[in-house]
Amino acid sequence: MIEVVVEEPETMLVEKIKRAREKDEEVVKVVKEIKKAEVKTLKGNEWKIEGELVLKERKVYIPKNEKLRSEVIQLYHNIPVVGHKRR
């Protein structure tokens, strides 16, 4: 089982992901199927609901929203662990 831990500033990002998820047809369909089947995984663990997030292939699914995806990349790309400095 994967445990998704959300800390600041991710809290606001999770809220943005949840709002954008409602506009992403693919994830809306998957969430409906998961809820209808009353399970937490779908299609052989390809899709999974973990807490407030939807995972695809064990990774947090970011809806098809370029602004949101850019924000996620910027937040996680510019951290010292990966050798990049914030600008």
N, C-alpha and C. Protein backbone atom coordinates (compact mmCIF):
# COMPACT_ATOMS: atom_id res chain seq x y z
N MET A 1 0.83 -1.18 0.00
CA MET A 1 0.00 0.00 0.00
C MET A 1 0.88 1.25 0.00
N ILE A 2 0.55 2.20 -0.81
CA ILE A 2 1.28 3.46 -0.89
C ILE A 2 0.60 4.45 0.03
N GLU A 3 1.40 5.11 0.86
CA GLU A 3 0.83 6.15 1.73
C GLU A 3 1.23 7.50 1.17
N VAL A 4 0.24 8.31 0.87
CA VAL A 4 0.49 9.64 0.34
C VAL A 4 0.42 10.62 1.50
N VAL A 5 1.55 11.28 1.78
CA VAL A 5 1.61 12.25 2.85
C VAL A 5 1.62 13.64 2.22
N VAL A 6 0.71 14.48 2.65
CA VAL A 6 0.59 15.82 2.09
C VAL A 6 0.95 16.84 3.16
N GLU A 7 1.91 17.71 2.85
CA GLU A 7 2.34 18.76 3.77
C GLU A 7 2.23 20.09 3.05
N GLU A 8 2.41 21.20 3.78
CA GLU A 8 2.42 22.53 3.15
C GLU A 8 3.64 22.62 2.25
N PRO A 9 3.66 23.23 1.09
CA PRO A 9 2.56 23.94 0.45
C PRO A 9 1.66 23.03 -0.39
N GLU A 10 1.81 21.72 -0.23
CA GLU A 10 1.04 20.78 -1.02
C GLU A 10 -0.45 20.81 -0.73
N THR A 11 -0.85 21.25 0.45
CA THR A 11 -2.26 21.26 0.82
C THR A 11 -3.09 22.05 -0.19
N MET A 12 -2.63 23.23 -0.54
CA MET A 12 -3.36 24.04 -1.52
C MET A 12 -3.31 23.39 -2.90
N LEU A 13 -2.19 22.76 -3.20
CA LEU A 13 -2.04 22.09 -4.49
C LEU A 13 -3.02 20.92 -4.60
N VAL A 14 -3.21 20.18 -3.52
CA VAL A 14 -4.17 19.07 -3.53
C VAL A 14 -5.57 19.59 -3.81
N GLU A 15 -5.92 20.71 -3.21
CA GLU A 15 -7.24 21.30 -3.47
C GLU A 15 -7.39 21.68 -4.94
N LYS A 16 -6.34 22.23 -5.54
CA LYS A 16 -6.38 22.58 -6.97
C LYS A 16 -6.52 21.32 -7.82
N ILE A 17 -5.82 20.26 -7.43
CA ILE A 17 -5.89 18.99 -8.17
C ILE A 17 -7.32 18.44 -8.10
N LYS A 18 -7.93 18.48 -6.92
CA LYS A 18 -9.29 17.97 -6.77
C LYS A 18 -10.28 18.76 -7.63
N ARG A 19 -10.13 20.09 -7.65
CA ARG A 19 -11.03 20.91 -8.47
C ARG A 19 -10.83 20.65 -9.96
N ALA A 20 -9.58 20.52 -10.38
CA ALA A 20 -9.29 20.27 -11.80
C ALA A 20 -9.74 18.87 -12.21
N ARG A 21 -9.70 17.94 -11.27
CA ARG A 21 -10.09 16.55 -11.54
C ARG A 21 -11.54 16.48 -12.02
N GLU A 22 -12.38 17.36 -11.51
CA GLU A 22 -13.80 17.37 -11.88
C GLU A 22 -14.02 17.76 -13.33
N LYS A 23 -13.00 18.35 -13.97
CA LYS A 23 -13.11 18.78 -15.36
C LYS A 23 -12.38 17.85 -16.31
N ASP A 24 -11.69 16.84 -15.79
CA ASP A 24 -10.92 15.90 -16.60
C ASP A 24 -11.79 14.66 -16.85
N GLU A 25 -12.29 14.52 -18.07
CA GLU A 25 -13.24 13.45 -18.39
C GLU A 25 -12.71 12.06 -18.06
N GLU A 26 -11.43 11.81 -18.32
CA GLU A 26 -10.87 10.48 -18.08
C GLU A 26 -10.94 10.12 -16.59
N VAL A 27 -10.51 11.02 -15.73
CA VAL A 27 -10.49 10.72 -14.31
C VAL A 27 -11.90 10.72 -13.72
N VAL A 28 -12.80 11.55 -14.23
CA VAL A 28 -14.20 11.53 -13.78
C VAL A 28 -14.79 10.15 -14.04
N LYS A 29 -14.55 9.62 -15.22
CA LYS A 29 -15.05 8.29 -15.59
C LYS A 29 -14.47 7.21 -14.68
N VAL A 30 -13.17 7.28 -14.43
CA VAL A 30 -12.51 6.29 -13.57
C VAL A 30 -13.06 6.34 -12.15
N VAL A 31 -13.17 7.54 -11.59
CA VAL A 31 -13.68 7.68 -10.22
C VAL A 31 -15.11 7.15 -10.13
N LYS A 32 -15.94 7.44 -11.13
CA LYS A 32 -17.31 6.91 -11.13
C LYS A 32 -17.31 5.39 -11.15
N GLU A 33 -16.44 4.79 -11.98
CA GLU A 33 -16.37 3.33 -12.07
C GLU A 33 -15.90 2.72 -10.75
N ILE A 34 -14.92 3.35 -10.11
CA ILE A 34 -14.42 2.85 -8.82
C ILE A 34 -15.53 2.92 -7.78
N LYS A 35 -16.23 4.04 -7.72
CA LYS A 35 -17.30 4.18 -6.73
C LYS A 35 -18.46 3.23 -7.01
N LYS A 36 -18.78 3.05 -8.29
CA LYS A 36 -19.88 2.15 -8.67
C LYS A 36 -19.54 0.71 -8.27
N ALA A 37 -18.29 0.31 -8.48
CA ALA A 37 -17.87 -1.05 -8.14
C ALA A 37 -17.58 -1.21 -6.65
N GLU A 38 -17.59 -0.07 -5.92
CA GLU A 38 -17.31 -0.07 -4.49
C GLU A 38 -15.97 -0.71 -4.17
N VAL A 39 -14.96 -0.34 -4.94
CA VAL A 39 -13.58 -0.80 -4.72
C VAL A 39 -12.67 0.42 -4.66
N LYS A 40 -11.41 0.19 -4.29
CA LYS A 40 -10.45 1.31 -4.25
C LYS A 40 -9.46 1.25 -5.41
N THR A 41 -9.48 0.16 -6.17
CA THR A 41 -8.60 0.04 -7.32
C THR A 41 -9.41 -0.36 -8.55
N LEU A 42 -8.86 -0.08 -9.72
CA LEU A 42 -9.55 -0.38 -10.97
C LEU A 42 -8.52 -0.76 -12.02
N LYS A 43 -8.89 -1.68 -12.88
CA LYS A 43 -8.06 -2.12 -13.99
C LYS A 43 -6.72 -2.67 -13.50
N GLY A 44 -6.78 -3.64 -12.60
CA GLY A 44 -5.57 -4.30 -12.13
C GLY A 44 -4.58 -3.37 -11.47
N ASN A 45 -5.07 -2.51 -10.61
CA ASN A 45 -4.25 -1.54 -9.86
C ASN A 45 -3.71 -0.40 -10.71
N GLU A 46 -4.14 -0.26 -11.96
CA GLU A 46 -3.69 0.88 -12.77
C GLU A 46 -4.20 2.17 -12.15
N TRP A 47 -5.45 2.19 -11.73
CA TRP A 47 -6.08 3.35 -11.10
C TRP A 47 -6.40 3.02 -9.66
N LYS A 48 -6.23 4.00 -8.77
CA LYS A 48 -6.49 3.78 -7.36
C LYS A 48 -6.86 5.10 -6.70
N ILE A 49 -7.78 5.05 -5.74
CA ILE A 49 -8.08 6.22 -4.94
C ILE A 49 -7.34 6.04 -3.62
N GLU A 50 -6.53 7.01 -3.28
CA GLU A 50 -5.74 6.98 -2.04
C GLU A 50 -6.01 8.29 -1.30
N GLY A 51 -6.81 8.21 -0.27
CA GLY A 51 -7.18 9.42 0.46
C GLY A 51 -7.97 10.34 -0.45
N GLU A 52 -7.50 11.55 -0.63
CA GLU A 52 -8.19 12.53 -1.47
C GLU A 52 -7.65 12.56 -2.89
N LEU A 53 -6.64 11.73 -3.17
CA LEU A 53 -5.99 11.77 -4.48
C LEU A 53 -6.32 10.54 -5.31
N VAL A 54 -6.23 10.69 -6.63
CA VAL A 54 -6.37 9.58 -7.55
C VAL A 54 -4.97 9.26 -8.06
N LEU A 55 -4.61 7.97 -7.99
CA LEU A 55 -3.31 7.53 -8.47
C LEU A 55 -3.48 6.78 -9.78
N LYS A 56 -2.54 6.95 -10.68
CA LYS A 56 -2.49 6.18 -11.91
C LYS A 56 -1.11 5.57 -11.98
N GLU A 57 -1.08 4.26 -12.04
CA GLU A 57 0.19 3.52 -12.06
C GLU A 57 1.07 3.94 -10.89
N ARG A 58 0.46 4.03 -9.69
CA ARG A 58 1.11 4.32 -8.41
C ARG A 58 1.67 5.73 -8.30
N LYS A 59 1.24 6.64 -9.17
CA LYS A 59 1.67 8.03 -9.11
C LYS A 59 0.44 8.92 -9.02
N VAL A 60 0.58 10.05 -8.34
CA VAL A 60 -0.55 10.99 -8.23
C VAL A 60 -0.91 11.46 -9.63
N TYR A 61 -2.19 11.33 -9.97
CA TYR A 61 -2.66 11.76 -11.28
C TYR A 61 -2.94 13.26 -11.24
N ILE A 62 -2.28 13.99 -12.11
CA ILE A 62 -2.51 15.42 -12.25
C ILE A 62 -3.40 15.61 -13.47
N PRO A 63 -4.59 16.16 -13.28
CA PRO A 63 -5.52 16.34 -14.40
C PRO A 63 -4.90 17.11 -15.56
N LYS A 64 -5.51 16.96 -16.71
CA LYS A 64 -5.03 17.61 -17.94
C LYS A 64 -5.32 19.10 -17.89
N ASN A 65 -4.48 19.79 -17.13
CA ASN A 65 -4.59 21.23 -16.94
C ASN A 65 -3.15 21.75 -16.95
N GLU A 66 -2.78 22.40 -18.03
CA GLU A 66 -1.38 22.81 -18.22
C GLU A 66 -0.87 23.72 -17.10
N LYS A 67 -1.69 24.65 -16.65
CA LYS A 67 -1.26 25.56 -15.59
C LYS A 67 -0.96 24.78 -14.31
N LEU A 68 -1.84 23.85 -13.96
CA LEU A 68 -1.66 23.04 -12.76
C LEU A 68 -0.44 22.13 -12.90
N ARG A 69 -0.28 21.50 -14.04
CA ARG A 69 0.88 20.63 -14.26
C ARG A 69 2.18 21.41 -14.18
N SER A 70 2.19 22.63 -14.71
CA SER A 70 3.39 23.48 -14.62
C SER A 70 3.70 23.82 -13.16
N GLU A 71 2.66 24.09 -12.39
CA GLU A 71 2.84 24.42 -10.98
C GLU A 71 3.46 23.24 -10.22
N VAL A 72 2.99 22.04 -10.52
CA VAL A 72 3.53 20.85 -9.87
C VAL A 72 5.00 20.66 -10.25
N ILE A 73 5.30 20.79 -11.52
CA ILE A 73 6.68 20.64 -11.97
C ILE A 73 7.57 21.68 -11.32
N GLN A 74 7.12 22.90 -11.28
CA GLN A 74 7.91 23.98 -10.68
C GLN A 74 8.16 23.70 -9.20
N LEU A 75 7.14 23.25 -8.49
CA LEU A 75 7.26 23.00 -7.06
C LEU A 75 8.27 21.88 -6.78
N TYR A 76 8.23 20.81 -7.56
CA TYR A 76 9.07 19.65 -7.27
C TYR A 76 10.37 19.62 -8.06
N HIS A 77 10.46 20.37 -9.12
CA HIS A 77 11.69 20.38 -9.92
C HIS A 77 12.76 21.25 -9.28
N ASN A 78 12.38 22.30 -8.61
CA ASN A 78 13.32 23.27 -8.06
C ASN A 78 13.69 23.01 -6.61
N ILE A 79 13.85 21.75 -6.24
CA ILE A 79 14.23 21.45 -4.86
C ILE A 79 15.70 21.02 -4.82
N PRO A 80 16.40 21.31 -3.73
CA PRO A 80 17.83 20.99 -3.63
C PRO A 80 18.17 19.51 -3.83
N VAL A 81 17.28 18.60 -3.46
CA VAL A 81 17.56 17.16 -3.58
C VAL A 81 17.86 16.77 -5.02
N VAL A 82 17.21 17.42 -5.99
CA VAL A 82 17.46 17.09 -7.39
C VAL A 82 18.51 18.00 -8.00
N GLY A 83 19.16 18.82 -7.20
CA GLY A 83 20.28 19.62 -7.68
C GLY A 83 19.90 20.94 -8.32
N HIS A 84 18.68 21.39 -8.13
CA HIS A 84 18.25 22.66 -8.71
C HIS A 84 17.97 23.66 -7.60
N LYS A 85 18.26 24.91 -7.87
CA LYS A 85 17.98 25.95 -6.91
C LYS A 85 16.77 26.73 -7.36
N ARG A 86 15.97 27.17 -6.41
CA ARG A 86 14.82 28.01 -6.74
C ARG A 86 15.29 29.35 -7.24
N ARG A 87 14.57 29.90 -8.18
CA ARG A 87 14.93 31.21 -8.73
C ARG A 87 13.92 32.23 -8.35
